[in-house]
Amino acid sequence: MEFSTFGRHVAMDAWGVNFDLLNDAEFLREKMEQAAVACGATILSVQSQQFDPQGATVLVMLSESHLSIHTYPEKGFAALDCYTCGHTVDPMVAIEYMLEALQPTQAVSKVLRRGDGPIEVVQPEHVGSKKLAAV
């Protein structure tokens, strides 16, 4: 069997997120696992870290690649990204799931098409209830 090297990588910066949501590694871990399942990905492992005095990181290793979040609660900011290989798992679904969970006042994303030529920035294929600005 030959595997495709095609992949989509969504990076999103979210601003205006509630401090308590961004400072709760267990909440973020639960939501990130749900986001991975929602997009049809296969979870291989999950690591989460609560930082002192604040902040959290959650890394979800997927059979299809990864989903991650790094938070700065004192700034109301979260950096998320989801990279998936192949055509069957859509990383935008996971990012939109996290948008619903975090409810930022502003979110800006980039979608990269990777693995089948030069890296290319493309327009998001989905837009959740919060408008994603692609710049």
Protein backbone atom coordinates (compact mmCIF):
# COMPACT_ATOMS: atom_id res chain seq x y z
CA MET A 1 0.00 0.00 0.00
CA GLU A 2 1.30 3.44 -0.92
CA PHE A 3 0.57 6.34 1.42
CA SER A 4 -0.05 9.93 0.37
CA THR A 5 2.23 12.62 1.80
CA PHE A 6 -0.58 15.20 1.44
CA GLY A 7 -1.43 17.06 4.63
CA ARG A 8 -3.28 20.09 5.93
CA HIS A 9 -1.94 22.22 8.76
CA VAL A 10 -4.19 24.74 10.50
CA ALA A 11 -2.63 27.30 12.85
CA MET A 12 -4.94 29.55 14.85
CA ASP A 13 -4.31 32.40 17.26
CA ALA A 14 -7.25 33.02 19.60
CA TRP A 15 -7.57 36.21 21.66
CA GLY A 16 -10.05 37.32 24.29
CA VAL A 17 -10.42 33.90 25.92
CA ASN A 18 -11.49 33.57 29.55
CA PHE A 19 -8.51 33.27 31.93
CA ASP A 20 -9.98 30.29 33.81
CA LEU A 21 -10.46 28.24 30.62
CA LEU A 22 -6.89 28.89 29.49
CA ASN A 23 -5.49 28.08 32.92
CA ASP A 24 -7.12 24.65 33.28
CA ALA A 25 -4.95 21.92 31.73
CA GLU A 26 -7.51 19.20 32.54
CA PHE A 27 -10.36 21.10 30.83
CA LEU A 28 -8.14 21.75 27.81
CA ARG A 29 -7.02 18.11 27.67
CA GLU A 30 -10.65 16.93 27.69
CA LYS A 31 -11.67 19.38 24.96
CA MET A 32 -8.63 18.61 22.80
CA GLU A 33 -9.35 14.87 23.00
CA GLN A 34 -12.98 15.57 22.02
CA ALA A 35 -11.78 17.79 19.15
CA ALA A 36 -9.55 15.00 17.84
CA VAL A 37 -12.42 12.52 17.95
CA ALA A 38 -14.77 15.05 16.30
CA CYS A 39 -12.49 15.34 13.27
CA GLY A 40 -12.16 11.56 12.96
CA ALA A 41 -8.54 11.33 14.08
CA THR A 42 -7.01 8.42 15.97
CA ILE A 43 -5.46 9.44 19.31
CA LEU A 44 -2.19 7.69 20.11
CA SER A 45 -1.24 9.63 23.26
CA VAL A 46 -1.95 12.85 25.14
CA GLN A 47 0.34 14.96 27.29
CA SER A 48 -0.72 17.98 29.29
CA GLN A 49 1.19 20.37 31.48
CA GLN A 50 -0.13 22.99 33.90
CA PHE A 51 2.40 25.81 34.41
CA ASP A 52 2.99 27.95 37.48
CA PRO A 53 1.90 30.69 37.96
CA GLN A 54 -0.39 30.17 34.95
CA GLY A 55 -0.65 28.65 31.49
CA ALA A 56 -1.03 25.21 30.01
CA THR A 57 0.12 23.10 27.07
CA VAL A 58 -1.68 20.08 25.68
CA LEU A 59 -0.21 17.89 22.94
CA VAL A 60 -2.35 15.22 21.29
CA MET A 61 -0.34 12.80 19.18
CA LEU A 62 -2.51 11.43 16.40
CA SER A 63 -1.99 8.54 14.05
CA GLU A 64 -2.55 11.23 11.39
CA SER A 65 -0.10 13.72 13.05
CA HIS A 66 -0.88 16.12 15.95
CA LEU A 67 -3.12 18.68 17.69
CA SER A 68 -1.67 21.20 20.16
CA ILE A 69 -2.53 24.20 22.30
CA HIS A 70 -0.30 26.59 24.24
CA THR A 71 -2.02 29.13 26.50
CA TYR A 72 -1.18 32.50 28.01
CA PRO A 73 -4.13 33.12 30.36
CA GLU A 74 -2.78 36.47 31.55
CA LYS A 75 -3.04 37.68 27.93
CA GLY A 76 -6.30 35.85 27.09
CA PHE A 77 -4.35 34.14 24.30
CA ALA A 78 -4.14 30.60 22.96
CA ALA A 79 -2.02 29.28 20.08
CA LEU A 80 -3.52 26.16 18.50
CA ASP A 81 -2.46 24.01 15.63
CA CYS A 82 -3.59 20.81 14.02
CA TYR A 83 -1.70 18.98 11.31
CA THR A 84 -3.20 15.91 9.66
CA CYS A 85 -1.87 13.74 6.87
CA GLY A 86 -4.10 12.28 4.20
CA HIS A 87 -7.53 13.27 2.94
CA THR A 88 -9.85 11.61 5.48
CA VAL A 89 -9.25 13.71 8.63
CA ASP A 90 -9.99 17.46 8.41
CA PRO A 91 -7.94 19.51 10.90
CA MET A 92 -10.33 22.47 10.55
CA VAL A 93 -13.02 20.41 12.30
CA ALA A 94 -10.78 20.08 15.38
CA ILE A 95 -9.92 23.79 15.33
CA GLU A 96 -13.60 24.75 15.02
CA TYR A 97 -14.41 22.44 17.94
CA MET A 98 -11.85 24.29 20.06
CA LEU A 99 -13.26 27.64 18.92
CA GLU A 100 -16.64 26.60 20.30
CA ALA A 101 -15.05 25.47 23.57
CA LEU A 102 -12.91 28.59 24.09
CA GLN A 103 -15.25 31.28 22.70
CA PRO A 104 -12.53 33.81 21.80
CA THR A 105 -13.47 37.36 20.89
CA GLN A 106 -11.05 37.16 17.96
CA ALA A 107 -9.50 34.26 16.07
CA VAL A 108 -7.11 34.37 13.14
CA SER A 109 -6.03 31.29 11.22
CA LYS A 110 -3.80 30.11 8.42
CA VAL A 111 -4.27 26.87 6.56
CA LEU A 112 -1.24 25.31 4.93
CA ARG A 113 -1.40 22.63 2.26
CA ARG A 114 1.67 20.44 2.70
CA GLY A 115 3.30 17.35 1.29
CA ASP A 116 2.38 17.49 -2.39
CA GLY A 117 4.64 20.29 -3.59
CA PRO A 118 5.72 23.60 -2.11
CA ILE A 119 3.92 24.56 1.12
CA GLU A 120 0.89 26.61 0.08
CA VAL A 121 -1.35 28.89 2.15
CA VAL A 122 -5.00 28.18 1.27
CA GLN A 123 -8.37 29.52 2.41
CA PRO A 124 -10.15 27.62 5.22
CA GLU A 125 -12.67 25.13 3.86
CA HIS A 126 -15.02 25.49 6.85
CA VAL A 127 -16.07 28.36 9.01
CA GLY A 128 -17.68 27.67 12.39
CA SER A 129 -20.09 29.96 14.21
CA LYS A 130 -17.17 32.29 15.01
CA LYS A 131 -15.75 33.90 11.94
CA LEU A 132 -12.18 32.76 11.28
CA ALA A 133 -10.13 35.51 9.72
CA ALA A 134 -7.61 34.04 7.31
CA VAL A 135 -4.79 36.51 6.88
